[in-house]
C-alpha atoms as a PDB file:
ATOM      1  CA  UNK A   1     -12.766  11.900 -28.933  1.00  0.00           C
ATOM      2  CA  UNK A   2     -11.259  15.348 -29.440  1.00  0.00           C
ATOM      3  CA  UNK A   3     -11.065  17.413 -26.416  1.00  0.00           C
ATOM      4  CA  UNK A   4     -13.125  20.343 -26.892  1.00  0.00           C
ATOM      5  CA  UNK A   5     -11.690  23.804 -26.202  1.00  0.00           C
ATOM      6  CA  UNK A   6     -13.548  26.276 -24.216  1.00  0.00           C
ATOM      7  CA  UNK A   7     -15.066  29.237 -26.675  1.00  0.00           C
ATOM      8  CA  UNK A   8     -13.002  32.332 -25.848  1.00  0.00           C
ATOM      9  CA  UNK A   9     -16.388  34.790 -25.822  1.00  0.00           C
ATOM     10  CA  UNK A  10     -18.600  33.829 -23.074  1.00  0.00           C
ATOM     11  CA  UNK A  11     -20.667  36.737 -23.461  1.00  0.00           C
ATOM     12  CA  UNK A  12     -22.587  35.468 -26.326  1.00  0.00           C
ATOM     13  CA  UNK A  13     -23.417  32.728 -24.983  1.00  0.00           C
ATOM     14  CA  UNK A  14     -26.598  32.414 -22.662  1.00  0.00           C
ATOM     15  CA  UNK A  15     -26.804  31.054 -19.526  1.00  0.00           C
ATOM     16  CA  UNK A  16     -28.642  27.802 -20.575  1.00  0.00           C
ATOM     17  CA  UNK A  17     -26.233  27.177 -23.416  1.00  0.00           C
ATOM     18  CA  UNK A  18     -23.280  27.304 -20.674  1.00  0.00           C
ATOM     19  CA  UNK A  19     -25.434  24.905 -18.420  1.00  0.00           C
ATOM     20  CA  UNK A  20     -25.694  22.699 -21.807  1.00  0.00           C
ATOM     21  CA  UNK A  21     -22.260  22.648 -22.239  1.00  0.00           C
ATOM     22  CA  UNK A  22     -21.372  21.839 -18.711  1.00  0.00           C
ATOM     23  CA  UNK A  23     -23.329  19.100 -18.406  1.00  0.00           C
ATOM     24  CA  UNK A  24     -22.291  17.730 -21.854  1.00  0.00           C
ATOM     25  CA  UNK A  25     -18.538  17.913 -20.322  1.00  0.00           C
ATOM     26  CA  UNK A  26     -20.040  16.162 -17.014  1.00  0.00           C
ATOM     27  CA  UNK A  27     -21.295  13.308 -19.110  1.00  0.00           C
ATOM     28  CA  UNK A  28     -18.037  12.955 -21.033  1.00  0.00           C
ATOM     29  CA  UNK A  29     -16.196  12.673 -17.781  1.00  0.00           C
ATOM     30  CA  UNK A  30     -18.533  10.175 -16.345  1.00  0.00           C
ATOM     31  CA  UNK A  31     -18.126   7.871 -19.513  1.00  0.00           C
ATOM     32  CA  UNK A  32     -14.427   8.387 -19.334  1.00  0.00           C
ATOM     33  CA  UNK A  33     -12.595   5.120 -18.730  1.00  0.00           C
ATOM     34  CA  UNK A  34      -8.916   6.949 -18.769  1.00  0.00           C
ATOM     35  CA  UNK A  35      -8.747   9.064 -16.045  1.00  0.00           C
ATOM     36  CA  UNK A  36      -5.391  10.543 -17.104  1.00  0.00           C
ATOM     37  CA  UNK A  37      -7.369  12.071 -20.167  1.00  0.00           C
ATOM     38  CA  UNK A  38      -9.656  13.517 -17.504  1.00  0.00           C
ATOM     39  CA  UNK A  39      -7.943  16.047 -15.655  1.00  0.00           C
ATOM     40  CA  UNK A  40      -7.820  18.371 -18.577  1.00  0.00           C
ATOM     41  CA  UNK A  41     -11.882  18.193 -19.176  1.00  0.00           C
ATOM     42  CA  UNK A  42     -12.143  18.436 -15.576  1.00  0.00           C
ATOM     43  CA  UNK A  43     -10.258  21.598 -15.239  1.00  0.00           C
ATOM     44  CA  UNK A  44     -11.915  23.132 -18.313  1.00  0.00           C
ATOM     45  CA  UNK A  45     -15.467  21.933 -16.518  1.00  0.00           C
ATOM     46  CA  UNK A  46     -14.196  24.333 -13.491  1.00  0.00           C
ATOM     47  CA  UNK A  47     -13.294  26.756 -15.464  1.00  0.00           C
ATOM     48  CA  UNK A  48     -17.154  26.839 -17.309  1.00  0.00           C
ATOM     49  CA  UNK A  49     -18.432  26.346 -13.546  1.00  0.00           C
ATOM     50  CA  UNK A  50     -16.815  30.043 -12.793  1.00  0.00           C
ATOM     51  CA  UNK A  51     -17.772  31.462 -15.734  1.00  0.00           C
ATOM     52  CA  UNK A  52     -21.384  30.206 -15.808  1.00  0.00           C
ATOM     53  CA  UNK A  53     -21.621  31.315 -11.850  1.00  0.00           C
ATOM     54  CA  UNK A  54     -20.633  35.039 -12.730  1.00  0.00           C
ATOM     55  CA  UNK A  55     -22.988  35.291 -15.310  1.00  0.00           C
ATOM     56  CA  UNK A  56     -25.659  34.149 -13.588  1.00  0.00           C
ATOM     57  CA  UNK A  57     -24.534  36.789 -11.154  1.00  0.00           C
ATOM     58  CA  UNK A  58     -24.793  38.976 -13.357  1.00  0.00           C
ATOM     59  CA  UNK A  59     -28.021  38.177 -14.694  1.00  0.00           C
ATOM     60  CA  UNK A  60     -29.544  38.302 -10.887  1.00  0.00           C
ATOM     61  CA  UNK A  61     -27.989  41.281 -10.498  1.00  0.00           C
ATOM     62  CA  UNK A  62     -29.600  43.061 -13.713  1.00  0.00           C
ATOM     63  CA  UNK A  63     -32.901  41.597 -12.643  1.00  0.00           C
ATOM     64  CA  UNK A  64     -32.951  43.030  -9.346  1.00  0.00           C
ATOM     65  CA  UNK A  65     -31.998  46.508 -11.058  1.00  0.00           C
ATOM     66  CA  UNK A  66     -34.780  46.265 -13.420  1.00  0.00           C
ATOM     67  CA  UNK A  67     -37.208  45.207 -10.413  1.00  0.00           C
ATOM     68  CA  UNK A  68     -36.074  48.373  -8.304  1.00  0.00           C
ATOM     69  CA  UNK A  69     -37.078  50.815 -11.301  1.00  0.00           C
ATOM     70  CA  UNK A  70     -40.334  49.253 -12.081  1.00  0.00           C
ATOM     71  CA  UNK A  71     -41.000  49.584  -8.193  1.00  0.00           C
ATOM     72  CA  UNK A  72     -40.010  52.744  -8.339  1.00  0.00           C
ATOM     73  CA  UNK A  73     -42.389  53.793 -11.133  1.00  0.00           C
ATOM     74  CA  UNK A  74     -45.171  52.371  -9.434  1.00  0.00           C
ATOM     75  CA  UNK A  75     -44.857  53.839  -6.078  1.00  0.00           C
ATOM     76  CA  UNK A  76     -44.406  57.101  -8.076  1.00  0.00           C
ATOM     77  CA  UNK A  77     -47.228  57.163  -9.998  1.00  0.00           C
ATOM     78  CA  UNK A  78     -49.550  56.111  -6.842  1.00  0.00           C
ATOM     79  CA  UNK A  79     -47.816  58.936  -5.032  1.00  0.00           C
ATOM     80  CA  UNK A  80     -49.148  61.109  -8.288  1.00  0.00           C
ATOM     81  CA  UNK A  81     -52.639  60.024  -7.458  1.00  0.00           C
ATOM     82  CA  UNK A  82     -52.569  60.563  -3.918  1.00  0.00           C
ATOM     83  CA  UNK A  83     -51.665  64.251  -4.404  1.00  0.00           C
ATOM     84  CA  UNK A  84     -54.288  65.167  -6.629  1.00  0.00           C
END
């Protein structure tokens, strides 16, 4: 089986796609009989894990920002109704 190179453009992959790719790499490593060949795959898995982590943190940050915006809109509407 050929070693799969990690794609250069990770921003286009979703968090789910990155997770699926990591799971495939883990399966390949588990089925690997020759440990010498698995070192490079393991390093690629570590790189992919870091990318996955960064993307997750970025998504969490975006969710938090959107939530704050929605909460501020709701509270401003409630304050506007109280003034009337």
